[in-house]
Amino acid sequence: MERLRSEALPKERRLAKRREFVRVYDTGRKHFSRYSVLFVAPNGLPHSRIGITATKKTGKANVRNRLKRWTREVYRRQREPLGIDASGLDIVVNVKPNAVTTTFEDYGRDLTRALERVVTESRRTP
């Protein structure tokens, strides 16, 4: 039987430490969308990394975790089609509280549009 390849986001493709998030907040550009705010900064690596935050204003832990799972899933699905990995970016997604009331489809469309803007802008600016 053929082993299935894991589709999980490897640890080296995630932002985990506070100083990594702070660097992106301080040096990166802000992109607003309906359900999230994206902070983007070049990382000097051959691949992109993502960090996700959802504040307690967003809701209880189960709601915040669901929104973070949705964000990871949209990012995972769009990484290849948008060529995000080739850009070498650190992306922090801050989920807005109004995302609680939306569906996965609407949230996914909104985040995909934001990621498209991020990638096209990163290709324009050196």
N, C-alpha and C. Protein backbone atom coordinates (compact mmCIF):
# COMPACT_ATOMS: atom_id res chain seq x y z
N MET A 1 0.83 -1.18 0.00
CA MET A 1 0.00 0.00 0.00
C MET A 1 0.88 1.25 0.00
N GLU A 2 0.49 2.22 -0.79
CA GLU A 2 1.26 3.46 -0.91
C GLU A 2 1.00 4.36 0.28
N ARG A 3 2.10 4.90 0.84
CA ARG A 3 1.96 5.82 1.98
C ARG A 3 1.51 7.18 1.50
N LEU A 4 0.58 7.76 2.22
CA LEU A 4 0.13 9.10 1.89
C LEU A 4 1.13 10.12 2.40
N ARG A 5 1.38 11.10 1.59
CA ARG A 5 2.30 12.17 1.97
C ARG A 5 1.55 13.17 2.84
N SER A 6 2.15 13.59 3.91
CA SER A 6 1.52 14.55 4.80
C SER A 6 1.38 15.90 4.10
N GLU A 7 0.23 16.51 4.26
CA GLU A 7 0.00 17.83 3.68
C GLU A 7 0.11 18.93 4.74
N ALA A 8 0.57 18.55 5.92
CA ALA A 8 0.70 19.52 7.01
C ALA A 8 1.78 20.55 6.68
N LEU A 9 1.67 21.69 7.29
CA LEU A 9 2.65 22.75 7.13
C LEU A 9 3.85 22.42 8.00
N PRO A 10 5.04 22.20 7.41
CA PRO A 10 6.21 21.85 8.23
C PRO A 10 6.59 23.00 9.18
N LYS A 11 7.22 22.65 10.27
CA LYS A 11 7.58 23.64 11.30
C LYS A 11 8.44 24.78 10.76
N GLU A 12 9.34 24.46 9.84
CA GLU A 12 10.21 25.52 9.32
C GLU A 12 9.45 26.52 8.45
N ARG A 13 8.22 26.23 8.12
CA ARG A 13 7.39 27.14 7.31
C ARG A 13 6.39 27.91 8.16
N ARG A 14 6.58 27.88 9.48
CA ARG A 14 5.68 28.58 10.41
C ARG A 14 6.47 29.57 11.24
N LEU A 15 5.82 30.68 11.59
CA LEU A 15 6.40 31.61 12.55
C LEU A 15 5.90 31.17 13.92
N ALA A 16 6.80 31.08 14.89
CA ALA A 16 6.38 30.60 16.20
C ALA A 16 6.84 31.52 17.33
N LYS A 17 7.98 32.14 17.17
CA LYS A 17 8.54 32.95 18.25
C LYS A 17 8.05 34.39 18.19
N ARG A 18 7.90 34.97 19.37
CA ARG A 18 7.40 36.34 19.47
C ARG A 18 8.28 37.30 18.66
N ARG A 19 9.59 37.12 18.72
CA ARG A 19 10.48 38.05 18.02
C ARG A 19 10.29 37.99 16.51
N GLU A 20 9.89 36.83 15.98
CA GLU A 20 9.61 36.72 14.55
C GLU A 20 8.37 37.53 14.19
N PHE A 21 7.33 37.43 15.02
CA PHE A 21 6.11 38.20 14.80
C PHE A 21 6.40 39.69 14.90
N VAL A 22 7.14 40.09 15.93
CA VAL A 22 7.44 41.51 16.14
C VAL A 22 8.24 42.07 14.97
N ARG A 23 9.19 41.31 14.44
CA ARG A 23 9.97 41.77 13.29
C ARG A 23 9.06 42.05 12.10
N VAL A 24 8.10 41.16 11.85
CA VAL A 24 7.18 41.35 10.72
C VAL A 24 6.28 42.57 10.98
N TYR A 25 5.80 42.73 12.21
CA TYR A 25 4.96 43.89 12.54
C TYR A 25 5.75 45.19 12.34
N ASP A 26 7.01 45.21 12.76
CA ASP A 26 7.82 46.43 12.72
C ASP A 26 8.31 46.78 11.32
N THR A 27 8.73 45.77 10.55
CA THR A 27 9.36 46.05 9.26
C THR A 27 8.45 45.78 8.07
N GLY A 28 7.34 45.09 8.29
CA GLY A 28 6.52 44.68 7.17
C GLY A 28 5.48 45.69 6.74
N ARG A 29 4.81 45.33 5.65
CA ARG A 29 3.70 46.15 5.13
C ARG A 29 2.39 45.54 5.57
N LYS A 30 1.38 46.40 5.73
CA LYS A 30 0.05 45.98 6.17
C LYS A 30 -0.87 45.87 4.98
N HIS A 31 -1.65 44.80 4.95
CA HIS A 31 -2.68 44.62 3.92
C HIS A 31 -3.99 44.30 4.63
N PHE A 32 -5.02 45.09 4.34
CA PHE A 32 -6.30 44.89 5.00
C PHE A 32 -7.24 44.11 4.10
N SER A 33 -8.00 43.23 4.69
CA SER A 33 -9.08 42.56 3.98
C SER A 33 -10.29 42.55 4.89
N ARG A 34 -11.36 42.00 4.42
CA ARG A 34 -12.62 42.04 5.17
C ARG A 34 -12.53 41.31 6.51
N TYR A 35 -11.88 40.14 6.51
CA TYR A 35 -11.85 39.31 7.71
C TYR A 35 -10.48 39.19 8.36
N SER A 36 -9.47 39.86 7.82
CA SER A 36 -8.14 39.73 8.40
C SER A 36 -7.26 40.92 8.02
N VAL A 37 -6.17 41.05 8.76
CA VAL A 37 -5.12 42.02 8.43
C VAL A 37 -3.84 41.21 8.25
N LEU A 38 -3.17 41.41 7.12
CA LEU A 38 -1.94 40.68 6.83
C LEU A 38 -0.75 41.62 6.96
N PHE A 39 0.27 41.17 7.65
CA PHE A 39 1.54 41.88 7.75
C PHE A 39 2.55 41.05 6.97
N VAL A 40 3.30 41.70 6.09
CA VAL A 40 4.20 40.95 5.21
C VAL A 40 5.58 41.59 5.19
N ALA A 41 6.62 40.76 5.36
CA ALA A 41 8.00 41.24 5.30
C ALA A 41 8.85 40.18 4.61
N PRO A 42 9.84 40.59 3.83
CA PRO A 42 10.75 39.60 3.23
C PRO A 42 11.54 38.89 4.33
N ASN A 43 11.85 37.62 4.12
CA ASN A 43 12.54 36.87 5.18
C ASN A 43 13.93 36.39 4.79
N GLY A 44 14.34 36.56 3.54
CA GLY A 44 15.68 36.14 3.13
C GLY A 44 15.86 34.64 3.04
N LEU A 45 14.79 33.89 3.13
CA LEU A 45 14.84 32.42 3.03
C LEU A 45 14.32 32.00 1.66
N PRO A 46 14.60 30.76 1.25
CA PRO A 46 14.11 30.31 -0.06
C PRO A 46 12.62 29.94 -0.04
N HIS A 47 11.96 30.08 1.12
CA HIS A 47 10.54 29.74 1.21
C HIS A 47 9.84 30.76 2.10
N SER A 48 8.52 30.78 2.02
CA SER A 48 7.73 31.69 2.85
C SER A 48 7.31 31.00 4.14
N ARG A 49 6.99 31.82 5.15
CA ARG A 49 6.50 31.30 6.43
C ARG A 49 5.25 32.06 6.81
N ILE A 50 4.40 31.41 7.61
CA ILE A 50 3.16 32.05 8.04
C ILE A 50 3.02 31.98 9.55
N GLY A 51 2.44 33.03 10.11
CA GLY A 51 2.07 33.07 11.51
C GLY A 51 0.63 33.55 11.60
N ILE A 52 -0.13 33.02 12.53
CA ILE A 52 -1.55 33.35 12.61
C ILE A 52 -1.88 33.77 14.04
N THR A 53 -2.62 34.87 14.18
CA THR A 53 -3.07 35.31 15.49
C THR A 53 -4.57 35.56 15.46
N ALA A 54 -5.22 35.26 16.56
CA ALA A 54 -6.63 35.57 16.76
C ALA A 54 -6.78 35.97 18.22
N THR A 55 -7.15 37.21 18.48
CA THR A 55 -7.22 37.71 19.85
C THR A 55 -8.46 37.18 20.57
N LYS A 56 -8.48 37.37 21.87
CA LYS A 56 -9.63 36.93 22.67
C LYS A 56 -10.89 37.69 22.32
N LYS A 57 -10.75 38.85 21.69
CA LYS A 57 -11.92 39.60 21.21
C LYS A 57 -12.69 38.79 20.17
N THR A 58 -11.96 37.91 19.50
CA THR A 58 -12.56 37.10 18.44
C THR A 58 -13.57 36.09 19.00
N GLY A 59 -13.31 35.56 20.17
CA GLY A 59 -14.23 34.60 20.77
C GLY A 59 -13.48 33.64 21.67
N LYS A 60 -14.18 32.62 22.08
CA LYS A 60 -13.59 31.60 22.95
C LYS A 60 -12.56 30.79 22.18
N ALA A 61 -11.82 29.96 22.89
CA ALA A 61 -10.70 29.22 22.29
C ALA A 61 -11.12 28.37 21.10
N ASN A 62 -12.28 27.71 21.20
CA ASN A 62 -12.68 26.85 20.09
C ASN A 62 -12.96 27.66 18.82
N VAL A 63 -13.47 28.87 18.96
CA VAL A 63 -13.73 29.74 17.81
C VAL A 63 -12.42 30.22 17.22
N ARG A 64 -11.51 30.67 18.09
CA ARG A 64 -10.20 31.14 17.61
C ARG A 64 -9.45 30.02 16.90
N ASN A 65 -9.49 28.83 17.46
CA ASN A 65 -8.79 27.69 16.85
C ASN A 65 -9.39 27.34 15.49
N ARG A 66 -10.73 27.41 15.38
CA ARG A 66 -11.37 27.12 14.10
C ARG A 66 -10.91 28.12 13.04
N LEU A 67 -10.87 29.39 13.38
CA LEU A 67 -10.44 30.41 12.43
C LEU A 67 -8.97 30.24 12.05
N LYS A 68 -8.15 29.83 13.00
CA LYS A 68 -6.73 29.58 12.68
C LYS A 68 -6.59 28.36 11.78
N ARG A 69 -7.39 27.33 12.02
CA ARG A 69 -7.38 26.15 11.12
C ARG A 69 -7.80 26.54 9.72
N TRP A 70 -8.85 27.35 9.62
CA TRP A 70 -9.30 27.82 8.31
C TRP A 70 -8.19 28.58 7.60
N THR A 71 -7.50 29.45 8.34
CA THR A 71 -6.42 30.24 7.75
C THR A 71 -5.30 29.34 7.24
N ARG A 72 -4.90 28.36 8.06
CA ARG A 72 -3.85 27.42 7.63
C ARG A 72 -4.28 26.66 6.38
N GLU A 73 -5.53 26.24 6.34
CA GLU A 73 -6.02 25.46 5.21
C GLU A 73 -6.04 26.29 3.92
N VAL A 74 -6.52 27.51 3.99
CA VAL A 74 -6.53 28.38 2.81
C VAL A 74 -5.10 28.63 2.35
N TYR A 75 -4.21 28.93 3.27
CA TYR A 75 -2.80 29.16 2.93
C TYR A 75 -2.20 27.91 2.29
N ARG A 76 -2.46 26.76 2.87
CA ARG A 76 -1.91 25.51 2.34
C ARG A 76 -2.39 25.26 0.91
N ARG A 77 -3.68 25.52 0.67
CA ARG A 77 -4.23 25.30 -0.67
C ARG A 77 -3.72 26.30 -1.69
N GLN A 78 -3.42 27.52 -1.26
CA GLN A 78 -3.03 28.58 -2.20
C GLN A 78 -1.52 28.75 -2.36
N ARG A 79 -0.75 28.07 -1.52
CA ARG A 79 0.71 28.21 -1.57
C ARG A 79 1.26 27.98 -2.97
N GLU A 80 0.90 26.86 -3.58
CA GLU A 80 1.42 26.53 -4.89
C GLU A 80 0.80 27.35 -6.01
N PRO A 81 -0.56 27.43 -6.10
CA PRO A 81 -1.14 28.19 -7.21
C PRO A 81 -0.70 29.65 -7.26
N LEU A 82 -0.52 30.28 -6.11
CA LEU A 82 -0.11 31.69 -6.09
C LEU A 82 1.40 31.87 -6.11
N GLY A 83 2.14 30.80 -5.93
CA GLY A 83 3.60 30.89 -5.90
C GLY A 83 4.10 31.62 -4.67
N ILE A 84 3.42 31.42 -3.55
CA ILE A 84 3.79 32.11 -2.31
C ILE A 84 5.18 31.70 -1.85
N ASP A 85 5.50 30.42 -1.94
CA ASP A 85 6.79 29.93 -1.45
C ASP A 85 7.97 30.54 -2.20
N ALA A 86 7.79 30.82 -3.48
CA ALA A 86 8.88 31.38 -4.27
C ALA A 86 9.20 32.82 -3.87
N SER A 87 8.28 33.45 -3.16
CA SER A 87 8.45 34.87 -2.81
C SER A 87 9.37 35.11 -1.62
N GLY A 88 9.56 34.13 -0.75
CA GLY A 88 10.42 34.30 0.42
C GLY A 88 9.90 35.37 1.36
N LEU A 89 8.66 35.21 1.81
CA LEU A 89 8.02 36.20 2.68
C LEU A 89 7.67 35.60 4.02
N ASP A 90 7.64 36.45 5.04
CA ASP A 90 7.03 36.11 6.32
C ASP A 90 5.68 36.80 6.33
N ILE A 91 4.62 36.03 6.53
CA ILE A 91 3.26 36.56 6.50
C ILE A 91 2.62 36.29 7.87
N VAL A 92 2.13 37.35 8.49
CA VAL A 92 1.37 37.21 9.74
C VAL A 92 -0.07 37.58 9.42
N VAL A 93 -0.98 36.67 9.73
CA VAL A 93 -2.41 36.91 9.50
C VAL A 93 -3.07 37.15 10.86
N ASN A 94 -3.59 38.36 11.05
CA ASN A 94 -4.37 38.68 12.25
C ASN A 94 -5.84 38.55 11.87
N VAL A 95 -6.52 37.59 12.45
CA VAL A 95 -7.92 37.36 12.15
C VAL A 95 -8.77 38.40 12.88
N LYS A 96 -9.68 39.05 12.15
CA LYS A 96 -10.56 40.06 12.75
C LYS A 96 -11.75 39.38 13.43
N PRO A 97 -12.30 40.03 14.46
CA PRO A 97 -13.46 39.46 15.16
C PRO A 97 -14.69 39.21 14.28
N ASN A 98 -14.85 39.99 13.20
CA ASN A 98 -16.03 39.79 12.35
C ASN A 98 -15.96 38.48 11.54
N ALA A 99 -14.83 37.81 11.55
CA ALA A 99 -14.70 36.54 10.83
C ALA A 99 -15.51 35.43 11.49
N VAL A 100 -15.91 35.62 12.74
CA VAL A 100 -16.67 34.61 13.48
C VAL A 100 -17.98 34.29 12.77
N THR A 101 -18.59 35.28 12.17
CA THR A 101 -19.93 35.11 11.59
C THR A 101 -19.92 34.61 10.15
N THR A 102 -18.77 34.48 9.55
CA THR A 102 -18.71 34.10 8.14
C THR A 102 -18.63 32.59 7.94
N THR A 103 -18.71 32.18 6.68
CA THR A 103 -18.55 30.76 6.32
C THR A 103 -17.12 30.54 5.86
N PHE A 104 -16.72 29.27 5.80
CA PHE A 104 -15.37 28.94 5.33
C PHE A 104 -15.17 29.44 3.90
N GLU A 105 -16.19 29.31 3.06
CA GLU A 105 -16.07 29.71 1.66
C GLU A 105 -15.80 31.22 1.54
N ASP A 106 -16.59 32.03 2.26
CA ASP A 106 -16.37 33.48 2.21
C ASP A 106 -15.01 33.86 2.78
N TYR A 107 -14.67 33.25 3.90
CA TYR A 107 -13.37 33.53 4.53
C TYR A 107 -12.24 33.14 3.58
N GLY A 108 -12.37 31.99 2.95
CA GLY A 108 -11.34 31.51 2.03
C GLY A 108 -11.17 32.43 0.83
N ARG A 109 -12.29 32.89 0.27
CA ARG A 109 -12.22 33.81 -0.88
C ARG A 109 -11.52 35.11 -0.48
N ASP A 110 -11.90 35.63 0.68
CA ASP A 110 -11.34 36.89 1.15
C ASP A 110 -9.83 36.77 1.40
N LEU A 111 -9.42 35.71 2.07
CA LEU A 111 -8.00 35.52 2.36
C LEU A 111 -7.21 35.25 1.08
N THR A 112 -7.80 34.51 0.15
CA THR A 112 -7.12 34.24 -1.13
C THR A 112 -6.87 35.55 -1.87
N ARG A 113 -7.87 36.44 -1.92
CA ARG A 113 -7.68 37.73 -2.58
C ARG A 113 -6.56 38.53 -1.90
N ALA A 114 -6.54 38.51 -0.59
CA ALA A 114 -5.49 39.24 0.15
C ALA A 114 -4.12 38.66 -0.16
N LEU A 115 -4.01 37.33 -0.19
CA LEU A 115 -2.73 36.68 -0.50
C LEU A 115 -2.29 36.99 -1.92
N GLU A 116 -3.24 37.05 -2.85
CA GLU A 116 -2.91 37.42 -4.24
C GLU A 116 -2.30 38.82 -4.29
N ARG A 117 -2.91 39.76 -3.55
CA ARG A 117 -2.38 41.14 -3.51
C ARG A 117 -0.97 41.15 -2.94
N VAL A 118 -0.77 40.37 -1.89
CA VAL A 118 0.54 40.31 -1.24
C VAL A 118 1.60 39.81 -2.22
N VAL A 119 1.30 38.72 -2.93
CA VAL A 119 2.27 38.13 -3.84
C VAL A 119 2.56 39.05 -5.02
N THR A 120 1.52 39.65 -5.61
CA THR A 120 1.77 40.55 -6.76
C THR A 120 2.57 41.76 -6.33
N GLU A 121 2.30 42.30 -5.14
CA GLU A 121 3.07 43.45 -4.67
C GLU A 121 4.51 43.07 -4.38
N SER A 122 4.72 41.87 -3.81
CA SER A 122 6.09 41.47 -3.48
C SER A 122 6.92 41.25 -4.75
N ARG A 123 6.27 40.91 -5.84
CA ARG A 123 7.00 40.73 -7.11
C ARG A 123 7.35 42.05 -7.73
N ARG A 124 6.51 43.07 -7.46
CA ARG A 124 6.77 44.41 -8.02
C ARG A 124 7.88 45.15 -7.30
N THR A 125 7.93 45.00 -5.97
CA THR A 125 8.94 45.71 -5.20
C THR A 125 10.12 44.80 -4.91
N PRO A 126 11.35 45.29 -5.18
CA PRO A 126 12.52 44.44 -4.94
C PRO A 126 12.84 44.26 -3.49
